[in-house]
């Protein structure tokens, strides 16, 4: 009887552990607890920030007299309505936090981990969105106030940018007209390229006229000068793109295939064990090994199959049906073997091919000057590699002068 007492006690302990593991509620996990505290802190800080912004907005608004232009700006942009709406949304978020998140935290049940993570994440996204909105309102007002203080500078810069847009765009249009004369077969393409620049001129003139007639409309000045600065950057970038395309028209480009080659790869997998111990197995995948065409074909037909069993460690050896192909891979039988492991099964895990080509490009300019460049070995896909067939040392691409690169002629199947 005395011998059975410890066994009974041990069984009781095990039963107790199983009971606790299955039936005891351990409470919210650490991730949920962190999410709760993080959301509580984020909400408190964001609410304080908004109250400061709202107070600042109210103070600014209190200084608007009956005839203030800002009253019209407020009506037009809806600042007051937006700030009041944000205030209501903050109250709603705080209510949700107190009734859902706070109560869930106090209840402290592991059944609510998913609820806690999902809802705290959702609330933080809403809080972040509200923060961005109220900050934009104040930033917008302060920008307008800055324009009011420096309206002369803004107007001058706006007019200057409008002139730059017009002058730059007219220069591009003039260039396109010359190319239309030189390459009449590309007239439609060149006219399409001109449209954005004519549009930019029209818009800049319209914005500039509005500035001339509304020198005291600070909201309009802010928006128009901002748009003109953005449009100037835009037309300059578009102009660079036009120059690239026009340069293509002046070039005659021929591409010759210098060489093409491919690389065959085989990946071997090994499962090893200790034949004298029941200590389990260890898996090891070797790095890709280069292979000849014939050996690649051999292994391609054996992906996923076992090549054989070999001895590893002391007196390591391995023989297989195609020993020549195996030896060519240079497999180290002992690589990363488990402690005491002396046997291993070897499998073909995968095979792959990589394809490459080297080309020579001759570019002849309108002036007759030529430039020859040779590419470094470039990796290509198998479809292109096989399409190139026996084109080595032959012209594979040609773009005549007067055509764009997208009109390049290819002399191999595509």
Protein backbone atom coordinates (compact mmCIF):
# COMPACT_ATOMS: atom_id res chain seq x y z
CA UNK A 1 0.00 0.00 0.00
CA UNK A 2 2.79 2.39 0.92
CA UNK A 3 4.40 1.80 -2.51
CA UNK A 4 1.26 2.91 -4.32
CA UNK A 5 0.94 6.19 -2.41
CA UNK A 6 3.53 8.17 -4.44
CA UNK A 7 2.00 6.89 -7.68
CA UNK A 8 -1.47 8.06 -6.59
CA UNK A 9 -0.07 11.47 -5.65
CA UNK A 10 1.71 11.77 -9.02
CA UNK A 11 -1.50 10.88 -10.86
CA UNK A 12 -3.35 13.48 -8.85
CA UNK A 13 -0.82 16.15 -9.75
CA UNK A 14 -1.05 15.28 -13.44
CA UNK A 15 -4.86 15.42 -13.34
CA UNK A 16 -4.71 18.80 -11.60
CA UNK A 17 -2.31 20.17 -14.22
CA UNK A 18 -4.52 18.92 -17.07
CA UNK A 19 -7.60 20.43 -15.39
CA UNK A 20 -5.91 23.82 -14.98
CA UNK A 21 -4.60 23.78 -18.52
CA UNK A 22 -8.01 23.04 -20.02
CA UNK A 23 -10.46 24.77 -17.71
CA UNK A 24 -8.71 27.60 -15.86
CA UNK A 25 -9.13 31.11 -17.36
CA UNK A 26 -5.64 32.62 -17.23
CA UNK A 27 -6.89 36.08 -18.21
CA UNK A 28 -5.89 38.37 -21.07
CA UNK A 29 -2.52 37.57 -22.61
CA UNK A 30 0.39 40.01 -22.63
CA UNK A 31 -0.34 41.18 -26.19
CA UNK A 32 -3.88 42.19 -25.21
CA UNK A 33 -2.72 43.94 -22.05
CA UNK A 34 -0.10 45.93 -24.00
CA UNK A 35 -2.72 46.81 -26.64
CA UNK A 36 -5.07 48.10 -23.93
CA UNK A 37 -2.47 50.35 -22.28
CA UNK A 38 -1.16 51.57 -25.62
CA UNK A 39 -4.67 52.51 -26.82
CA UNK A 40 -5.50 54.20 -23.52
CA UNK A 41 -2.33 56.31 -23.77
CA UNK A 42 -2.88 57.10 -27.47
CA UNK A 43 -6.47 58.18 -26.80
CA UNK A 44 -5.50 60.41 -23.87
CA UNK A 45 -2.72 62.14 -25.80
CA UNK A 46 -4.80 62.53 -28.97
CA UNK A 47 -7.74 63.92 -26.99
CA UNK A 48 -5.47 66.48 -25.31
CA UNK A 49 -3.98 67.46 -28.67
CA UNK A 50 -7.44 67.93 -30.16
CA UNK A 51 -8.66 70.04 -27.24
CA UNK A 52 -5.65 72.31 -27.71
CA UNK A 53 -6.34 72.52 -31.45
CA UNK A 54 -10.04 73.17 -30.87
CA UNK A 55 -9.28 75.89 -28.32
CA UNK A 56 -6.78 77.47 -30.71
CA UNK A 57 -9.33 77.30 -33.53
CA UNK A 58 -11.98 78.96 -31.37
CA UNK A 59 -9.52 81.71 -30.38
CA UNK A 60 -8.65 82.38 -34.01
CA UNK A 61 -12.30 82.37 -34.98
CA UNK A 62 -13.17 84.82 -32.19
CA UNK A 63 -10.96 87.41 -33.88
CA UNK A 64 -12.87 87.27 -37.17
CA UNK A 65 -15.02 90.38 -37.48
CA UNK A 66 -18.29 90.51 -39.36
CA UNK A 67 -16.63 91.40 -42.67
CA UNK A 68 -13.67 89.04 -42.29
CA UNK A 69 -12.81 87.01 -45.38
CA UNK A 70 -12.11 84.10 -43.03
CA UNK A 71 -15.84 83.76 -42.36
CA UNK A 72 -16.29 83.08 -46.06
CA UNK A 73 -13.33 80.68 -46.08
CA UNK A 74 -14.89 78.85 -43.11
CA UNK A 75 -18.21 78.60 -44.93
CA UNK A 76 -16.48 77.43 -48.10
CA UNK A 77 -14.22 74.83 -46.49
CA UNK A 78 -16.39 73.83 -43.54
CA UNK A 79 -13.78 74.24 -40.80
CA UNK A 80 -16.24 74.83 -37.95
CA UNK A 81 -18.46 71.93 -38.96
CA UNK A 82 -15.42 69.67 -39.33
CA UNK A 83 -13.96 70.58 -35.92
CA UNK A 84 -17.33 70.07 -34.22
CA UNK A 85 -17.70 66.74 -35.98
CA UNK A 86 -14.22 65.68 -34.83
CA UNK A 87 -15.19 66.66 -31.27
CA UNK A 88 -18.26 64.45 -31.48
CA UNK A 89 -16.22 61.58 -32.89
CA UNK A 90 -13.69 61.87 -30.04
CA UNK A 91 -16.58 61.65 -27.55
CA UNK A 92 -17.83 58.55 -29.37
CA UNK A 93 -14.36 56.97 -29.33
CA UNK A 94 -13.96 57.69 -25.62
CA UNK A 95 -17.39 56.17 -24.98
CA UNK A 96 -16.48 53.04 -26.93
CA UNK A 97 -13.23 52.74 -25.04
CA UNK A 98 -14.92 53.07 -21.65
CA UNK A 99 -17.83 50.72 -22.38
CA UNK A 100 -16.05 48.10 -24.47
CA UNK A 101 -12.28 48.16 -24.01
CA UNK A 102 -12.19 49.21 -20.36
CA UNK A 103 -14.86 46.71 -19.35
CA UNK A 104 -13.14 43.93 -21.28
CA UNK A 105 -9.84 44.74 -19.56
CA UNK A 106 -11.47 44.64 -16.12
CA UNK A 107 -13.23 41.36 -16.93
CA UNK A 108 -9.78 39.91 -17.75
CA UNK A 109 -10.78 36.75 -19.60
CA UNK A 110 -8.62 34.90 -22.11
CA UNK A 111 -11.79 34.47 -24.17
CA UNK A 112 -11.59 38.15 -25.08
CA UNK A 113 -8.04 38.33 -26.45
CA UNK A 114 -9.21 38.45 -30.05
CA UNK A 115 -11.84 41.08 -29.23
CA UNK A 116 -9.27 43.25 -27.43
CA UNK A 117 -6.72 43.18 -30.27
CA UNK A 118 -9.30 43.77 -32.99
CA UNK A 119 -11.06 46.67 -31.28
CA UNK A 120 -8.00 48.48 -29.92
CA UNK A 121 -6.41 48.35 -33.37
CA UNK A 122 -9.61 49.75 -34.90
CA UNK A 123 -9.82 52.57 -32.32
CA UNK A 124 -6.18 53.60 -32.82
CA UNK A 125 -6.77 53.89 -36.57
CA UNK A 126 -9.82 56.11 -35.96
CA UNK A 127 -7.87 58.23 -33.47
CA UNK A 128 -4.98 58.68 -35.94
CA UNK A 129 -7.42 59.74 -38.66
CA UNK A 130 -9.10 62.31 -36.40
CA UNK A 131 -5.69 63.69 -35.43
CA UNK A 132 -4.71 64.22 -39.05
CA UNK A 133 -8.00 65.98 -39.80
CA UNK A 134 -7.90 68.59 -37.03
CA UNK A 135 -4.23 69.32 -37.66
CA UNK A 136 -4.96 69.95 -41.34
CA UNK A 137 -7.58 72.55 -40.42
CA UNK A 138 -5.15 74.60 -38.33
CA UNK A 139 -2.33 74.15 -40.81
CA UNK A 140 -4.62 75.38 -43.58
CA UNK A 141 -5.65 78.48 -41.61
CA UNK A 142 -2.04 79.29 -40.66
CA UNK A 143 -0.96 79.00 -44.28
CA UNK A 144 -3.68 81.45 -45.29
CA UNK A 145 -2.61 83.80 -42.49
CA UNK A 146 0.97 83.58 -43.74
CA UNK A 147 -0.21 84.51 -47.23
CA UNK A 148 -2.05 87.49 -45.76
CA UNK A 149 1.18 88.71 -44.15
CA UNK A 150 3.31 88.12 -47.26
CA UNK A 151 0.76 88.45 -50.05
CA UNK A 152 3.07 90.56 -52.22
CA UNK A 153 5.75 87.88 -52.16
CA UNK A 154 3.25 85.12 -52.92
CA UNK A 155 1.75 87.08 -55.81
CA UNK A 156 5.19 87.82 -57.27
CA UNK A 157 6.28 84.19 -56.99
CA UNK A 158 3.01 83.02 -58.51
CA UNK A 159 3.36 85.34 -61.50
CA UNK A 160 7.00 84.31 -61.93
CA UNK A 161 6.09 80.61 -61.94
CA UNK A 162 3.26 81.25 -64.40
CA UNK A 163 5.75 82.96 -66.74
CA UNK A 164 8.21 80.08 -66.33
CA UNK A 165 5.53 77.52 -67.15
CA UNK A 166 4.52 79.43 -70.27
CA UNK A 167 8.08 80.04 -71.48
CA UNK A 168 9.22 76.48 -70.83
CA UNK A 169 6.13 74.96 -72.42
CA UNK A 170 6.38 77.16 -75.50
CA UNK A 171 10.00 76.06 -75.88
CA UNK A 172 8.91 72.40 -75.82
CA UNK A 173 6.08 73.10 -78.29
CA UNK A 174 8.50 74.83 -80.66
CA UNK A 175 10.85 71.85 -80.48
CA UNK A 176 8.00 69.43 -81.18
CA UNK A 177 6.94 71.51 -84.17
CA UNK A 178 10.45 71.27 -85.65
CA UNK A 179 10.45 67.51 -85.20
CA UNK A 180 7.01 67.30 -86.83
CA UNK A 181 8.53 68.94 -89.90
CA UNK A 182 11.54 66.62 -89.86
CA UNK A 183 9.59 63.44 -89.10
CA UNK A 184 6.11 64.03 -90.59
CA UNK A 185 5.21 60.32 -90.25
CA UNK A 186 5.35 60.82 -86.46
CA UNK A 187 3.03 63.84 -86.54
CA UNK A 188 0.23 62.24 -84.52
CA UNK A 189 2.62 61.05 -81.79
CA UNK A 190 4.29 64.46 -81.59
CA UNK A 191 0.94 66.30 -81.42
CA UNK A 192 -0.16 64.03 -78.57
CA UNK A 193 3.10 64.83 -76.77
CA UNK A 194 2.35 68.56 -77.13
CA UNK A 195 -1.10 68.45 -75.50
CA UNK A 196 0.07 68.51 -71.82
CA UNK A 197 2.25 71.57 -72.48
CA UNK A 198 -0.50 73.54 -74.21
CA UNK A 199 -2.81 72.60 -71.34
CA UNK A 200 -0.20 73.77 -68.82
CA UNK A 201 0.00 77.16 -70.59
CA UNK A 202 -3.78 77.57 -70.57
CA UNK A 203 -4.07 76.69 -66.88
CA UNK A 204 -1.16 78.92 -65.85
CA UNK A 205 -2.66 81.90 -67.69
CA UNK A 206 -6.04 81.30 -66.04
CA UNK A 207 -4.49 81.01 -62.58
CA UNK A 208 -2.39 84.11 -63.20
CA UNK A 209 -5.45 86.14 -64.26
CA UNK A 210 -7.25 85.09 -61.09
CA UNK A 211 -4.30 86.34 -59.06
CA UNK A 212 -4.42 89.68 -60.88
CA UNK A 213 -8.10 90.22 -60.05
CA UNK A 214 -8.13 88.77 -56.52
CA UNK A 215 -5.12 90.27 -54.77
CA UNK A 216 -6.93 90.21 -51.40
CA UNK A 217 -8.34 86.68 -51.64
CA UNK A 218 -5.72 84.93 -49.54
CA UNK A 219 -7.29 81.49 -49.91
CA UNK A 220 -7.24 81.81 -53.68
CA UNK A 221 -3.67 83.14 -53.60
CA UNK A 222 -2.56 80.14 -51.52
CA UNK A 223 -4.23 77.58 -53.78
CA UNK A 224 -3.21 79.21 -57.08
CA UNK A 225 0.42 79.77 -56.12
CA UNK A 226 0.66 76.22 -54.74
CA UNK A 227 -0.80 74.86 -57.99
CA UNK A 228 1.57 76.97 -60.13
CA UNK A 229 4.63 75.74 -58.21
CA UNK A 230 3.47 72.13 -58.61
CA UNK A 231 2.68 72.59 -62.32
CA UNK A 232 6.10 74.11 -62.97
CA UNK A 233 7.83 71.03 -61.51
CA UNK A 234 5.46 68.82 -63.50
CA UNK A 235 6.13 70.42 -66.91
CA UNK A 236 9.88 70.34 -66.31
CA UNK A 237 9.71 66.57 -65.63
CA UNK A 238 7.48 66.04 -68.66
CA UNK A 239 9.95 68.08 -70.73
CA UNK A 240 12.75 65.71 -69.74
CA UNK A 241 10.63 62.79 -70.93
CA UNK A 242 10.01 64.54 -74.25
CA UNK A 243 13.75 65.10 -74.73
CA UNK A 244 14.39 61.39 -74.24
CA UNK A 245 11.79 60.47 -76.86
CA UNK A 246 13.01 63.05 -79.37
CA UNK A 247 16.55 61.80 -78.94
CA UNK A 248 15.27 58.32 -79.83
CA UNK A 249 14.00 59.67 -83.16
CA UNK A 250 17.49 60.90 -84.01
CA UNK A 251 19.14 57.55 -83.34
CA UNK A 252 19.67 54.46 -85.45
CA UNK A 253 20.17 51.53 -83.06
CA UNK A 254 21.28 48.00 -83.93
CA UNK A 255 21.71 45.23 -81.37
CA UNK A 256 23.87 42.19 -82.14
CA UNK A 257 23.84 38.99 -80.09
CA UNK A 258 27.43 38.23 -79.10
CA UNK A 259 26.81 35.08 -77.10
CA UNK A 260 24.19 33.23 -75.12
CA UNK A 261 24.65 30.52 -72.54
CA UNK A 262 22.78 28.70 -69.85
CA UNK A 263 23.55 27.19 -66.47
CA UNK A 264 22.09 23.88 -65.24
CA UNK A 265 21.54 23.55 -61.50
CA UNK A 266 20.75 20.55 -59.30
CA UNK A 267 19.78 20.62 -55.61
CA UNK A 268 20.45 17.50 -53.48
CA UNK A 269 18.74 16.66 -50.19
CA UNK A 270 20.10 14.30 -47.52
CA UNK A 271 18.43 12.60 -44.55
CA UNK A 272 20.97 11.11 -42.11
CA UNK A 273 20.94 9.07 -38.89
CA UNK A 274 23.09 7.07 -36.48
CA UNK A 275 22.70 3.40 -37.36
CA UNK A 276 23.64 2.37 -33.78
CA UNK A 277 21.29 4.72 -31.94
CA UNK A 278 17.60 5.55 -32.13
CA UNK A 279 18.22 9.29 -32.01
CA UNK A 280 16.12 10.40 -34.93
CA UNK A 281 17.15 11.79 -38.29
CA UNK A 282 18.57 15.06 -39.54
CA UNK A 283 17.69 16.71 -42.84
CA UNK A 284 20.12 18.76 -44.90
CA UNK A 285 19.69 20.53 -48.23
CA UNK A 286 22.83 21.24 -50.24
CA UNK A 287 23.37 24.43 -52.16
CA UNK A 288 22.67 24.43 -55.90
CA UNK A 289 25.30 22.47 -57.85
CA UNK A 290 26.21 23.10 -61.50
CA UNK A 291 25.54 20.27 -63.89
CA UNK A 292 26.16 19.30 -67.51
CA UNK A 293 23.26 19.14 -69.98
CA UNK A 294 23.14 15.34 -69.93
CA UNK A 295 23.28 15.12 -66.13
CA UNK A 296 20.66 17.89 -65.83
CA UNK A 297 18.34 15.87 -68.06
CA UNK A 298 19.04 12.78 -65.95
CA UNK A 299 18.25 14.50 -62.65
CA UNK A 300 15.28 16.42 -64.06
CA UNK A 301 13.52 13.10 -64.53
CA UNK A 302 14.26 12.10 -60.94
CA UNK A 303 13.16 15.14 -58.90
CA UNK A 304 11.75 13.94 -55.58
CA UNK A 305 13.22 10.47 -55.91
CA UNK A 306 15.82 8.72 -53.81
CA UNK A 307 19.20 8.18 -55.47
CA UNK A 308 20.44 5.71 -52.88
CA UNK A 309 21.84 5.18 -49.40
CA UNK A 310 25.43 5.87 -48.43
CA UNK A 311 27.92 5.80 -45.58
CA UNK A 312 28.88 9.18 -44.08
CA UNK A 313 31.42 10.12 -41.45
CA UNK A 314 34.39 7.72 -41.25
CA UNK A 315 34.88 5.72 -44.46
CA UNK A 316 32.18 7.77 -46.20
CA UNK A 317 31.10 6.45 -49.58
CA UNK A 318 28.11 6.59 -51.88
CA UNK A 319 27.34 4.80 -55.11
CA UNK A 320 24.39 5.34 -57.43
CA UNK A 321 23.15 4.26 -60.82
CA UNK A 322 24.79 7.21 -62.60
CA UNK A 323 28.01 7.61 -60.70
CA UNK A 324 29.61 9.93 -63.27
CA UNK A 325 26.83 12.52 -62.89
CA UNK A 326 26.92 12.21 -59.12
CA UNK A 327 30.68 12.70 -58.97
CA UNK A 328 30.42 15.77 -61.21
CA UNK A 329 28.22 17.52 -58.59
CA UNK A 330 31.05 17.47 -56.04
CA UNK A 331 28.78 16.60 -53.10
CA UNK A 332 30.48 16.54 -49.69
CA UNK A 333 28.82 13.53 -48.07
CA UNK A 334 29.67 14.71 -44.53
CA UNK A 335 28.47 18.29 -44.90
CA UNK A 336 26.49 19.41 -41.82
CA UNK A 337 25.88 15.83 -40.65
CA UNK A 338 24.38 15.13 -37.25
CA UNK A 339 26.57 14.04 -34.34
CA UNK A 340 27.38 10.34 -34.68
CA UNK A 341 25.43 9.98 -37.92
CA UNK A 342 26.95 7.39 -40.19
CA UNK A 343 24.21 6.67 -42.77
CA UNK A 344 22.32 8.87 -45.19
CA UNK A 345 19.68 8.72 -47.91
CA UNK A 346 20.24 11.11 -50.81
CA UNK A 347 17.44 12.59 -52.94
CA UNK A 348 17.09 14.97 -55.90
CA UNK A 349 15.18 17.88 -54.34
CA UNK A 350 14.96 20.16 -57.39
CA UNK A 351 16.53 21.23 -60.67
CA UNK A 352 16.63 24.64 -62.37
CA UNK A 353 18.12 26.48 -65.32
CA UNK A 354 19.37 30.06 -65.65
CA UNK A 355 19.85 31.75 -69.02
CA UNK A 356 22.17 34.56 -70.08
CA UNK A 357 23.10 36.64 -73.11
CA UNK A 358 25.68 39.26 -74.05
CA UNK A 359 24.89 41.86 -76.70
CA UNK A 360 26.63 44.64 -78.61
CA UNK A 361 24.71 47.83 -79.39
CA UNK A 362 25.72 50.27 -82.12
CA UNK A 363 24.02 53.68 -81.84
CA UNK A 364 24.43 56.06 -84.80
CA UNK A 365 23.41 59.67 -84.22
CA UNK A 366 21.86 62.10 -86.69
CA UNK A 367 25.32 63.63 -87.18
CA UNK A 368 26.68 60.25 -88.32
CA UNK A 369 28.72 59.70 -85.17
CA UNK A 370 28.50 56.13 -83.85
CA UNK A 371 28.95 54.64 -80.42
CA UNK A 372 29.39 50.94 -79.66
CA UNK A 373 28.63 49.45 -76.25
CA UNK A 374 28.81 45.85 -75.09
CA UNK A 375 26.51 44.66 -72.31
CA UNK A 376 27.65 42.70 -69.33
CA UNK A 377 26.24 39.19 -69.16
CA UNK A 378 22.51 39.73 -68.74
CA UNK A 379 20.17 37.16 -67.25
CA UNK A 380 17.12 36.47 -69.41
CA UNK A 381 14.12 34.15 -69.23
CA UNK A 382 14.03 30.74 -70.86
CA UNK A 383 11.48 31.80 -73.48
CA UNK A 384 13.75 34.53 -74.85
CA UNK A 385 16.80 32.25 -74.68
CA UNK A 386 15.14 29.61 -76.82
CA UNK A 387 13.68 32.24 -79.18
CA UNK A 388 17.19 33.49 -79.93
CA UNK A 389 17.98 30.09 -81.43
CA UNK A 390 21.06 30.31 -83.68
CA UNK A 391 21.14 34.14 -83.83
CA UNK A 392 24.61 34.35 -82.29
CA UNK A 393 26.71 37.04 -84.06
CA UNK A 394 23.59 38.29 -85.89
CA UNK A 395 21.50 41.45 -85.57
CA UNK A 396 18.57 40.67 -83.31
CA UNK A 397 17.06 44.18 -82.90
CA UNK A 398 16.95 47.29 -85.09
CA UNK A 399 15.45 50.71 -84.46
CA UNK A 400 15.80 52.90 -87.54
CA UNK A 401 16.23 56.67 -87.25
CA UNK A 402 12.84 58.39 -87.20
CA UNK A 403 11.24 55.75 -85.01
CA UNK A 404 10.77 55.43 -81.26
CA UNK A 405 12.29 52.58 -79.28
CA UNK A 406 8.86 51.07 -78.82
CA UNK A 407 8.83 50.60 -82.61
CA UNK A 408 12.02 48.53 -82.55
CA UNK A 409 12.02 45.60 -84.97
CA UNK A 410 12.93 42.19 -83.55
CA UNK A 411 14.37 39.55 -85.87
CA UNK A 412 13.67 36.55 -83.67
CA UNK A 413 10.31 35.01 -82.69
CA UNK A 414 8.65 36.75 -79.74
